[in-house]
């Protein structure tokens, strides 16, 4: 399963703000990476968790240059038998939302 991708969409937001207002972090089997800024739309941003480098892509589906409903994230290079959590954060590091899943 190495190299698999998880994709998920933003269903709703309380405030549609520019991507510079957000950061993200990834957790794999209880180990956190270091929070990263959202990359340019459609550009993969690397995040290292433990000894694995993952990439996260944010895509602004509506093209309005804000993070809002309908936009999506893709996390690539997933490992088998791993529990993941993706954290969308405000730029100050406080949590906006978390999405959890596991791989077989």
PDB file of N, CA and C in Angstrom:
ATOM      1  N   UNK A   1       0.807  -1.185   0.000  1.00  0.00           N
ATOM      2  CA  UNK A   1       0.000   0.000   0.000  1.00  0.00           C
ATOM      3  C   UNK A   1       0.858   1.259   0.000  1.00  0.00           C
ATOM      4  N   UNK A   2       2.130   1.186   0.176  1.00  0.00           N
ATOM      5  CA  UNK A   2       2.965   2.389   0.184  1.00  0.00           C
ATOM      6  C   UNK A   2       2.699   3.223  -1.052  1.00  0.00           C
ATOM      7  N   UNK A   3       2.542   4.524  -0.849  1.00  0.00           N
ATOM      8  CA  UNK A   3       2.312   5.423  -1.959  1.00  0.00           C
ATOM      9  C   UNK A   3       0.863   5.747  -2.210  1.00  0.00           C
ATOM     10  N   UNK A   4      -0.058   5.223  -1.421  1.00  0.00           N
ATOM     11  CA  UNK A   4      -1.478   5.500  -1.605  1.00  0.00           C
ATOM     12  C   UNK A   4      -1.811   6.935  -1.247  1.00  0.00           C
ATOM     13  N   UNK A   5      -3.000   7.371  -1.661  1.00  0.00           N
ATOM     14  CA  UNK A   5      -3.452   8.744  -1.448  1.00  0.00           C
ATOM     15  C   UNK A   5      -4.803   8.766  -0.757  1.00  0.00           C
ATOM     16  N   UNK A   6      -4.975   9.707   0.167  1.00  0.00           N
ATOM     17  CA  UNK A   6      -6.278   9.982   0.770  1.00  0.00           C
ATOM     18  C   UNK A   6      -6.684  11.383   0.338  1.00  0.00           C
ATOM     19  N   UNK A   7      -7.909  11.535  -0.138  1.00  0.00           N
ATOM     20  CA  UNK A   7      -8.424  12.843  -0.551  1.00  0.00           C
ATOM     21  C   UNK A   7      -9.694  13.144   0.219  1.00  0.00           C
ATOM     22  N   UNK A   8      -9.872  14.402   0.587  1.00  0.00           N
ATOM     23  CA  UNK A   8     -11.096  14.798   1.263  1.00  0.00           C
ATOM     24  C   UNK A   8     -11.405  16.254   0.963  1.00  0.00           C
ATOM     25  N   UNK A   9     -12.698  16.565   0.985  1.00  0.00           N
ATOM     26  CA  UNK A   9     -13.185  17.879   0.636  1.00  0.00           C
ATOM     27  C   UNK A   9     -13.611  18.647   1.867  1.00  0.00           C
ATOM     28  N   UNK A  10     -13.568  19.945   1.750  1.00  0.00           N
ATOM     29  CA  UNK A  10     -14.064  20.821   2.807  1.00  0.00           C
ATOM     30  C   UNK A  10     -15.570  20.949   2.605  1.00  0.00           C
ATOM     31  N   UNK A  11     -16.349  20.582   3.606  1.00  0.00           N
ATOM     32  CA  UNK A  11     -17.805  20.620   3.496  1.00  0.00           C
ATOM     33  C   UNK A  11     -18.360  22.009   3.800  1.00  0.00           C
ATOM     34  N   UNK A  12     -17.764  22.702   4.752  1.00  0.00           N
ATOM     35  CA  UNK A  12     -18.299  23.993   5.169  1.00  0.00           C
ATOM     36  C   UNK A  12     -17.212  24.741   5.931  1.00  0.00           C
ATOM     37  N   UNK A  13     -17.304  26.050   5.959  1.00  0.00           N
ATOM     38  CA  UNK A  13     -16.381  26.871   6.730  1.00  0.00           C
ATOM     39  C   UNK A  13     -17.161  27.968   7.437  1.00  0.00           C
ATOM     40  N   UNK A  14     -16.627  28.427   8.553  1.00  0.00           N
ATOM     41  CA  UNK A  14     -17.265  29.543   9.247  1.00  0.00           C
ATOM     42  C   UNK A  14     -16.796  30.875   8.668  1.00  0.00           C
ATOM     43  N   UNK A  15     -15.573  30.879   8.111  1.00  0.00           N
ATOM     44  CA  UNK A  15     -15.013  32.074   7.484  1.00  0.00           C
ATOM     45  C   UNK A  15     -14.198  31.642   6.272  1.00  0.00           C
ATOM     46  N   UNK A  16     -14.498  32.198   5.115  1.00  0.00           N
ATOM     47  CA  UNK A  16     -13.710  31.924   3.915  1.00  0.00           C
ATOM     48  C   UNK A  16     -12.556  32.926   3.882  1.00  0.00           C
ATOM     49  N   UNK A  17     -11.356  32.438   4.197  1.00  0.00           N
ATOM     50  CA  UNK A  17     -10.188  33.311   4.283  1.00  0.00           C
ATOM     51  C   UNK A  17      -9.082  32.819   3.359  1.00  0.00           C
ATOM     52  N   UNK A  18      -8.147  33.687   3.054  1.00  0.00           N
ATOM     53  CA  UNK A  18      -6.994  33.368   2.237  1.00  0.00           C
ATOM     54  C   UNK A  18      -6.203  32.209   2.860  1.00  0.00           C
ATOM     55  N   UNK A  19      -5.566  31.402   2.007  1.00  0.00           N
ATOM     56  CA  UNK A  19      -4.812  30.237   2.507  1.00  0.00           C
ATOM     57  C   UNK A  19      -3.693  30.625   3.461  1.00  0.00           C
ATOM     58  N   UNK A  20      -3.205  31.866   3.406  1.00  0.00           N
ATOM     59  CA  UNK A  20      -2.141  32.292   4.322  1.00  0.00           C
ATOM     60  C   UNK A  20      -2.608  32.334   5.773  1.00  0.00           C
ATOM     61  N   UNK A  21      -3.909  32.268   5.997  1.00  0.00           N
ATOM     62  CA  UNK A  21      -4.467  32.260   7.355  1.00  0.00           C
ATOM     63  C   UNK A  21      -4.453  30.867   7.973  1.00  0.00           C
ATOM     64  N   UNK A  22      -4.035  29.862   7.190  1.00  0.00           N
ATOM     65  CA  UNK A  22      -4.108  28.471   7.626  1.00  0.00           C
ATOM     66  C   UNK A  22      -2.747  27.786   7.576  1.00  0.00           C
ATOM     67  N   UNK A  23      -2.642  26.735   8.378  1.00  0.00           N
ATOM     68  CA  UNK A  23      -1.521  25.805   8.363  1.00  0.00           C
ATOM     69  C   UNK A  23      -2.123  24.405   8.446  1.00  0.00           C
ATOM     70  N   UNK A  24      -1.296  23.386   8.357  1.00  0.00           N
ATOM     71  CA  UNK A  24      -1.771  22.015   8.539  1.00  0.00           C
ATOM     72  C   UNK A  24      -0.701  21.204   9.236  1.00  0.00           C
ATOM     73  N   UNK A  25      -1.136  20.093   9.831  1.00  0.00           N
ATOM     74  CA  UNK A  25      -0.206  19.129  10.400  1.00  0.00           C
ATOM     75  C   UNK A  25      -0.753  17.744  10.127  1.00  0.00           C
ATOM     76  N   UNK A  26       0.109  16.767  10.173  1.00  0.00           N
ATOM     77  CA  UNK A  26      -0.259  15.380   9.941  1.00  0.00           C
ATOM     78  C   UNK A  26       0.266  14.541  11.091  1.00  0.00           C
ATOM     79  N   UNK A  27      -0.563  13.589  11.517  1.00  0.00           N
ATOM     80  CA  UNK A  27      -0.187  12.646  12.569  1.00  0.00           C
ATOM     81  C   UNK A  27      -0.291  11.249  11.984  1.00  0.00           C
ATOM     82  N   UNK A  28       0.705  10.420  12.244  1.00  0.00           N
ATOM     83  CA  UNK A  28       0.702   9.033  11.790  1.00  0.00           C
ATOM     84  C   UNK A  28       1.056   8.145  12.971  1.00  0.00           C
ATOM     85  N   UNK A  29       0.124   7.253  13.343  1.00  0.00           N
ATOM     86  CA  UNK A  29       0.316   6.356  14.494  1.00  0.00           C
ATOM     87  C   UNK A  29       0.779   7.100  15.737  1.00  0.00           C
ATOM     88  N   UNK A  30       0.156   8.255  15.988  1.00  0.00           N
ATOM     89  CA  UNK A  30       0.425   9.013  17.200  1.00  0.00           C
ATOM     90  C   UNK A  30       1.612   9.959  17.125  1.00  0.00           C
ATOM     91  N   UNK A  31       2.356   9.939  16.026  1.00  0.00           N
ATOM     92  CA  UNK A  31       3.522  10.807  15.856  1.00  0.00           C
ATOM     93  C   UNK A  31       3.128  11.993  14.970  1.00  0.00           C
ATOM     94  N   UNK A  32       3.436  13.207  15.440  1.00  0.00           N
ATOM     95  CA  UNK A  32       3.122  14.415  14.683  1.00  0.00           C
ATOM     96  C   UNK A  32       4.302  14.868  13.841  1.00  0.00           C
ATOM     97  N   UNK A  33       3.994  15.499  12.728  1.00  0.00           N
ATOM     98  CA  UNK A  33       4.996  16.226  11.958  1.00  0.00           C
ATOM     99  C   UNK A  33       5.086  17.632  12.526  1.00  0.00           C
ATOM    100  N   UNK A  34       5.751  18.525  11.810  1.00  0.00           N
ATOM    101  CA  UNK A  34       5.804  19.938  12.177  1.00  0.00           C
ATOM    102  C   UNK A  34       4.829  20.685  11.275  1.00  0.00           C
ATOM    103  N   UNK A  35       3.989  21.518  11.869  1.00  0.00           N
ATOM    104  CA  UNK A  35       2.971  22.237  11.103  1.00  0.00           C
ATOM    105  C   UNK A  35       3.600  22.993   9.939  1.00  0.00           C
ATOM    106  N   UNK A  36       2.903  22.969   8.809  1.00  0.00           N
ATOM    107  CA  UNK A  36       3.364  23.606   7.573  1.00  0.00           C
ATOM    108  C   UNK A  36       2.321  24.609   7.087  1.00  0.00           C
ATOM    109  N   UNK A  37       2.772  25.600   6.336  1.00  0.00           N
ATOM    110  CA  UNK A  37       1.850  26.511   5.669  1.00  0.00           C
ATOM    111  C   UNK A  37       1.204  25.790   4.498  1.00  0.00           C
ATOM    112  N   UNK A  38      -0.025  26.170   4.145  1.00  0.00           N
ATOM    113  CA  UNK A  38      -0.638  25.610   2.946  1.00  0.00           C
ATOM    114  C   UNK A  38       0.167  26.073   1.746  1.00  0.00           C
ATOM    115  N   UNK A  39       0.479  25.155   0.852  1.00  0.00           N
ATOM    116  CA  UNK A  39       1.241  25.507  -0.339  1.00  0.00           C
ATOM    117  C   UNK A  39       0.365  26.237  -1.345  1.00  0.00           C
ATOM    118  N   UNK A  40       0.983  26.723  -2.401  1.00  0.00           N
ATOM    119  CA  UNK A  40       0.234  27.349  -3.485  1.00  0.00           C
ATOM    120  C   UNK A  40      -0.778  26.344  -4.017  1.00  0.00           C
ATOM    121  N   UNK A  41      -1.880  26.818  -4.507  1.00  0.00           N
ATOM    122  CA  UNK A  41      -2.949  25.945  -4.974  1.00  0.00           C
ATOM    123  C   UNK A  41      -2.415  24.917  -5.968  1.00  0.00           C
ATOM    124  N   UNK A  42      -2.695  23.640  -5.689  1.00  0.00           N
ATOM    125  CA  UNK A  42      -2.288  22.564  -6.569  1.00  0.00           C
ATOM    126  C   UNK A  42      -0.835  22.143  -6.438  1.00  0.00           C
ATOM    127  N   UNK A  43      -0.097  22.739  -5.516  1.00  0.00           N
ATOM    128  CA  UNK A  43       1.319  22.420  -5.325  1.00  0.00           C
ATOM    129  C   UNK A  43       1.490  21.553  -4.086  1.00  0.00           C
ATOM    130  N   UNK A  44       2.240  20.473  -4.214  1.00  0.00           N
ATOM    131  CA  UNK A  44       2.462  19.569  -3.091  1.00  0.00           C
ATOM    132  C   UNK A  44       3.428  20.186  -2.086  1.00  0.00           C
ATOM    133  N   UNK A  45       3.084  20.073  -0.807  1.00  0.00           N
ATOM    134  CA  UNK A  45       3.937  20.535   0.284  1.00  0.00           C
ATOM    135  C   UNK A  45       4.385  19.308   1.074  1.00  0.00           C
ATOM    136  N   UNK A  46       5.689  19.160   1.273  1.00  0.00           N
ATOM    137  CA  UNK A  46       6.227  18.010   2.005  1.00  0.00           C
ATOM    138  C   UNK A  46       6.070  18.214   3.506  1.00  0.00           C
ATOM    139  N   UNK A  47       5.768  17.110   4.195  1.00  0.00           N
ATOM    140  CA  UNK A  47       5.743  17.093   5.655  1.00  0.00           C
ATOM    141  C   UNK A  47       6.333  15.757   6.101  1.00  0.00           C
ATOM    142  N   UNK A  48       7.288  15.819   7.006  1.00  0.00           N
ATOM    143  CA  UNK A  48       7.949  14.620   7.507  1.00  0.00           C
ATOM    144  C   UNK A  48       7.319  14.240   8.840  1.00  0.00           C
ATOM    145  N   UNK A  49       6.884  12.983   8.930  1.00  0.00           N
ATOM    146  CA  UNK A  49       6.329  12.443  10.172  1.00  0.00           C
ATOM    147  C   UNK A  49       7.118  11.179  10.467  1.00  0.00           C
ATOM    148  N   UNK A  50       7.832  11.203  11.594  1.00  0.00           N
ATOM    149  CA  UNK A  50       8.734  10.081  11.884  1.00  0.00           C
ATOM    150  C   UNK A  50       9.825  10.056  10.834  1.00  0.00           C
ATOM    151  N   UNK A  51       9.944   8.933  10.123  1.00  0.00           N
ATOM    152  CA  UNK A  51      10.955   8.829   9.073  1.00  0.00           C
ATOM    153  C   UNK A  51      10.333   8.772   7.677  1.00  0.00           C
ATOM    154  N   UNK A  52       9.067   9.194   7.558  1.00  0.00           N
ATOM    155  CA  UNK A  52       8.365   9.152   6.276  1.00  0.00           C
ATOM    156  C   UNK A  52       8.042  10.573   5.810  1.00  0.00           C
ATOM    157  N   UNK A  53       8.300  10.836   4.540  1.00  0.00           N
ATOM    158  CA  UNK A  53       7.934  12.120   3.956  1.00  0.00           C
ATOM    159  C   UNK A  53       6.634  11.947   3.186  1.00  0.00           C
ATOM    160  N   UNK A  54       5.635  12.684   3.598  1.00  0.00           N
ATOM    161  CA  UNK A  54       4.331  12.705   2.934  1.00  0.00           C
ATOM    162  C   UNK A  54       4.235  14.010   2.149  1.00  0.00           C
ATOM    163  N   UNK A  55       3.311  14.076   1.206  1.00  0.00           N
ATOM    164  CA  UNK A  55       3.021  15.344   0.551  1.00  0.00           C
ATOM    165  C   UNK A  55       1.539  15.645   0.699  1.00  0.00           C
ATOM    166  N   UNK A  56       1.241  16.920   0.891  1.00  0.00           N
ATOM    167  CA  UNK A  56      -0.137  17.380   1.026  1.00  0.00           C
ATOM    168  C   UNK A  56      -0.362  18.439  -0.049  1.00  0.00           C
ATOM    169  N   UNK A  57      -1.418  18.251  -0.812  1.00  0.00           N
ATOM    170  CA  UNK A  57      -1.795  19.199  -1.848  1.00  0.00           C
ATOM    171  C   UNK A  57      -3.133  19.807  -1.481  1.00  0.00           C
ATOM    172  N   UNK A  58      -3.210  21.135  -1.557  1.00  0.00           N
ATOM    173  CA  UNK A  58      -4.461  21.853  -1.352  1.00  0.00           C
ATOM    174  C   UNK A  58      -4.892  22.402  -2.704  1.00  0.00           C
ATOM    175  N   UNK A  59      -6.159  22.202  -3.060  1.00  0.00           N
ATOM    176  CA  UNK A  59      -6.644  22.717  -4.332  1.00  0.00           C
ATOM    177  C   UNK A  59      -7.874  23.583  -4.117  1.00  0.00           C
ATOM    178  N   UNK A  60      -7.818  24.772  -4.653  1.00  0.00           N
ATOM    179  CA  UNK A  60      -8.887  25.768  -4.557  1.00  0.00           C
ATOM    180  C   UNK A  60      -9.840  25.554  -5.729  1.00  0.00           C
ATOM    181  N   UNK A  61     -10.798  24.667  -5.552  1.00  0.00           N
ATOM    182  CA  UNK A  61     -11.695  24.275  -6.638  1.00  0.00           C
ATOM    183  C   UNK A  61     -12.439  25.468  -7.232  1.00  0.00           C
ATOM    184  N   UNK A  62     -12.919  26.371  -6.393  1.00  0.00           N
ATOM    185  CA  UNK A  62     -13.676  27.518  -6.881  1.00  0.00           C
ATOM    186  C   UNK A  62     -12.820  28.611  -7.489  1.00  0.00           C
ATOM    187  N   UNK A  63     -11.510  28.569  -7.258  1.00  0.00           N
ATOM    188  CA  UNK A  63     -10.610  29.566  -7.804  1.00  0.00           C
ATOM    189  C   UNK A  63     -10.754  30.946  -7.186  1.00  0.00           C
ATOM    190  N   UNK A  64     -11.378  31.013  -6.010  1.00  0.00           N
ATOM    191  CA  UNK A  64     -11.612  32.321  -5.381  1.00  0.00           C
ATOM    192  C   UNK A  64     -10.497  32.729  -4.413  1.00  0.00           C
ATOM    193  N   UNK A  65      -9.454  31.904  -4.335  1.00  0.00           N
ATOM    194  CA  UNK A  65      -8.281  32.169  -3.494  1.00  0.00           C
ATOM    195  C   UNK A  65      -8.594  32.256  -2.000  1.00  0.00           C
ATOM    196  N   UNK A  66      -9.636  31.545  -1.576  1.00  0.00           N
ATOM    197  CA  UNK A  66      -9.944  31.400  -0.159  1.00  0.00           C
ATOM    198  C   UNK A  66     -10.181  29.923   0.133  1.00  0.00           C
ATOM    199  N   UNK A  67      -9.962  29.532   1.388  1.00  0.00           N
ATOM    200  CA  UNK A  67     -10.243  28.168   1.820  1.00  0.00           C
ATOM    201  C   UNK A  67     -11.732  28.129   2.174  1.00  0.00           C
ATOM    202  N   UNK A  68     -12.500  27.348   1.386  1.00  0.00           N
ATOM    203  CA  UNK A  68     -13.943  27.282   1.633  1.00  0.00           C
ATOM    204  C   UNK A  68     -14.533  25.982   1.104  1.00  0.00           C
ATOM    205  N   UNK A  69     -15.843  25.826   1.278  1.00  0.00           N
ATOM    206  CA  UNK A  69     -16.538  24.598   0.901  1.00  0.00           C
ATOM    207  C   UNK A  69     -16.250  24.234  -0.554  1.00  0.00           C
ATOM    208  N   UNK A  70     -15.975  22.951  -0.783  1.00  0.00           N
ATOM    209  CA  UNK A  70     -15.703  22.444  -2.114  1.00  0.00           C
ATOM    210  C   UNK A  70     -14.219  22.296  -2.411  1.00  0.00           C
ATOM    211  N   UNK A  71     -13.360  23.024  -1.688  1.00  0.00           N
ATOM    212  CA  UNK A  71     -11.920  22.857  -1.856  1.00  0.00           C
ATOM    213  C   UNK A  71     -11.522  21.487  -1.310  1.00  0.00           C
ATOM    214  N   UNK A  72     -10.372  20.978  -1.702  1.00  0.00           N
ATOM    215  CA  UNK A  72      -9.977  19.654  -1.226  1.00  0.00           C
ATOM    216  C   UNK A  72      -8.490  19.566  -0.911  1.00  0.00           C
ATOM    217  N   UNK A  73      -8.187  18.536  -0.122  1.00  0.00           N
ATOM    218  CA  UNK A  73      -6.820  18.186   0.254  1.00  0.00           C
ATOM    219  C   UNK A  73      -6.540  16.765  -0.203  1.00  0.00           C
ATOM    220  N   UNK A  74      -5.306  16.497  -0.583  1.00  0.00           N
ATOM    221  CA  UNK A  74      -4.858  15.136  -0.887  1.00  0.00           C
ATOM    222  C   UNK A  74      -3.571  14.896  -0.102  1.00  0.00           C
ATOM    223  N   UNK A  75      -3.524  13.776   0.613  1.00  0.00           N
ATOM    224  CA  UNK A  75      -2.336  13.371   1.365  1.00  0.00           C
ATOM    225  C   UNK A  75      -1.778  12.145   0.654  1.00  0.00           C
ATOM    226  N   UNK A  76      -0.521  12.241   0.225  1.00  0.00           N
ATOM    227  CA  UNK A  76       0.080  11.169  -0.564  1.00  0.00           C
ATOM    228  C   UNK A  76       1.234  10.493   0.183  1.00  0.00           C
ATOM    229  N   UNK A  77       1.523   9.274  -0.268  1.00  0.00           N
ATOM    230  CA  UNK A  77       2.600   8.431   0.243  1.00  0.00           C
ATOM    231  C   UNK A  77       2.198   7.746   1.553  1.00  0.00           C
ATOM    232  N   UNK A  78       0.911   7.417   1.653  1.00  0.00           N
ATOM    233  CA  UNK A  78       0.407   6.728   2.848  1.00  0.00           C
ATOM    234  C   UNK A  78       1.013   5.342   2.970  1.00  0.00           C
ATOM    235  N   UNK A  79       1.135   4.888   4.197  1.00  0.00           N
ATOM    236  CA  UNK A  79       1.684   3.569   4.512  1.00  0.00           C
ATOM    237  C   UNK A  79       0.565   2.642   4.973  1.00  0.00           C
ATOM    238  N   UNK A  80       0.769   1.353   4.761  1.00  0.00           N
ATOM    239  CA  UNK A  80      -0.198   0.350   5.202  1.00  0.00           C
ATOM    240  C   UNK A  80      -0.256   0.295   6.724  1.00  0.00           C
ATOM    241  N   UNK A  81      -1.396  -0.150   7.239  1.00  0.00           N
ATOM    242  CA  UNK A  81      -1.593  -0.379   8.675  1.00  0.00           C
ATOM    243  C   UNK A  81      -1.221   0.831   9.519  1.00  0.00           C
ATOM    244  N   UNK A  82      -1.693   1.991   9.113  1.00  0.00           N
ATOM    245  CA  UNK A  82      -1.353   3.233   9.801  1.00  0.00           C
ATOM    246  C   UNK A  82      -2.617   4.027  10.088  1.00  0.00           C
ATOM    247  N   UNK A  83      -2.679   4.610  11.274  1.00  0.00           N
ATOM    248  CA  UNK A  83      -3.773   5.512  11.658  1.00  0.00           C
ATOM    249  C   UNK A  83      -3.302   6.943  11.440  1.00  0.00           C
ATOM    250  N   UNK A  84      -4.078   7.710  10.681  1.00  0.00           N
ATOM    251  CA  UNK A  84      -3.711   9.074  10.333  1.00  0.00           C
ATOM    252  C   UNK A  84      -4.707  10.082  10.897  1.00  0.00           C
ATOM    253  N   UNK A  85      -4.223  11.296  11.101  1.00  0.00           N
ATOM    254  CA  UNK A  85      -5.079  12.433  11.417  1.00  0.00           C
ATOM    255  C   UNK A  85      -4.480  13.657  10.720  1.00  0.00           C
ATOM    256  N   UNK A  86      -5.313  14.354   9.973  1.00  0.00           N
ATOM    257  CA  UNK A  86      -4.917  15.585   9.288  1.00  0.00           C
ATOM    258  C   UNK A  86      -5.540  16.742  10.055  1.00  0.00           C
ATOM    259  N   UNK A  87      -4.713  17.690  10.464  1.00  0.00           N
ATOM    260  CA  UNK A  87      -5.170  18.838  11.245  1.00  0.00           C
ATOM    261  C   UNK A  87      -5.107  20.095  10.396  1.00  0.00           C
ATOM    262  N   UNK A  88      -6.248  20.734  10.210  1.00  0.00           N
ATOM    263  CA  UNK A  88      -6.283  22.054   9.604  1.00  0.00           C
ATOM    264  C   UNK A  88      -6.216  23.048  10.751  1.00  0.00           C
ATOM    265  N   UNK A  89      -5.258  23.958  10.680  1.00  0.00           N
ATOM    266  CA  UNK A  89      -4.969  24.868  11.786  1.00  0.00           C
ATOM    267  C   UNK A  89      -5.071  26.317  11.318  1.00  0.00           C
ATOM    268  N   UNK A  90      -5.352  27.203  12.261  1.00  0.00           N
ATOM    269  CA  UNK A  90      -5.210  28.623  11.982  1.00  0.00           C
ATOM    270  C   UNK A  90      -3.716  28.922  11.933  1.00  0.00           C
ATOM    271  N   UNK A  91      -3.346  30.050  11.387  1.00  0.00           N
ATOM    272  CA  UNK A  91      -1.928  30.395  11.261  1.00  0.00           C
ATOM    273  C   UNK A  91      -1.229  30.483  12.617  1.00  0.00           C
ATOM    274  N   UNK A  92      -1.999  30.717  13.697  1.00  0.00           N
ATOM    275  CA  UNK A  92      -1.393  30.763  15.036  1.00  0.00           C
ATOM    276  C   UNK A  92      -1.234  29.375  15.650  1.00  0.00           C
ATOM    277  N   UNK A  93      -1.654  28.330  14.937  1.00  0.00           N
ATOM    278  CA  UNK A  93      -1.504  26.954  15.403  1.00  0.00           C
ATOM    279  C   UNK A  93      -2.722  26.372  16.083  1.00  0.00           C
ATOM    280  N   UNK A  94      -3.742  27.179  16.352  1.00  0.00           N
ATOM    281  CA  UNK A  94      -4.946  26.633  16.982  1.00  0.00           C
ATOM    282  C   UNK A  94      -5.744  25.815  15.954  1.00  0.00           C
ATOM    283  N   UNK A  95      -6.444  24.818  16.441  1.00  0.00           N
ATOM    284  CA  UNK A  95      -7.099  23.845  15.579  1.00  0.00           C
ATOM    285  C   UNK A  95      -8.407  24.361  15.002  1.00  0.00           C
ATOM    286  N   UNK A  96      -8.573  24.156  13.696  1.00  0.00           N
ATOM    287  CA  UNK A  96      -9.827  24.457  13.019  1.00  0.00           C
ATOM    288  C   UNK A  96     -10.654  23.178  12.936  1.00  0.00           C
ATOM    289  N   UNK A  97     -10.026  22.124  12.406  1.00  0.00           N
ATOM    290  CA  UNK A  97     -10.730  20.855  12.225  1.00  0.00           C
ATOM    291  C   UNK A  97      -9.726  19.726  12.089  1.00  0.00           C
ATOM    292  N   UNK A  98     -10.164  18.499  12.380  1.00  0.00           N
ATOM    293  CA  UNK A  98      -9.320  17.326  12.222  1.00  0.00           C
ATOM    294  C   UNK A  98     -10.082  16.275  11.421  1.00  0.00           C
ATOM    295  N   UNK A  99      -9.358  15.557  10.564  1.00  0.00           N
ATOM    296  CA  UNK A  99      -9.926  14.463   9.790  1.00  0.00           C
ATOM    297  C   UNK A  99      -9.066  13.235  10.045  1.00  0.00           C
ATOM    298  N   UNK A 100      -9.683  12.150  10.543  1.00  0.00           N
ATOM    299  CA  UNK A 100      -8.943  10.935  10.886  1.00  0.00           C
ATOM    300  C   UNK A 100      -9.358   9.778   9.967  1.00  0.00           C
ATOM    301  N   UNK A 101      -8.414   8.874   9.699  1.00  0.00           N
ATOM    302  CA  UNK A 101      -8.688   7.676   8.918  1.00  0.00           C
ATOM    303  C   UNK A 101      -7.548   6.689   9.134  1.00  0.00           C
ATOM    304  N   UNK A 102      -7.758   5.482   8.687  1.00  0.00           N
ATOM    305  CA  UNK A 102      -6.727   4.455   8.795  1.00  0.00           C
ATOM    306  C   UNK A 102      -6.572   3.733   7.472  1.00  0.00           C
ATOM    307  N   UNK A 103      -5.411   3.115   7.270  1.00  0.00           N
ATOM    308  CA  UNK A 103      -5.160   2.344   6.071  1.00  0.00           C
ATOM    309  C   UNK A 103      -5.111   0.857   6.432  1.00  0.00           C
ATOM    310  N   UNK A 104      -5.563   0.013   5.526  1.00  0.00           N
ATOM    311  CA  UNK A 104      -5.557  -1.430   5.804  1.00  0.00           C
ATOM    312  C   UNK A 104      -4.146  -2.014   5.769  1.00  0.00           C
TER     313      UNK A 104
END
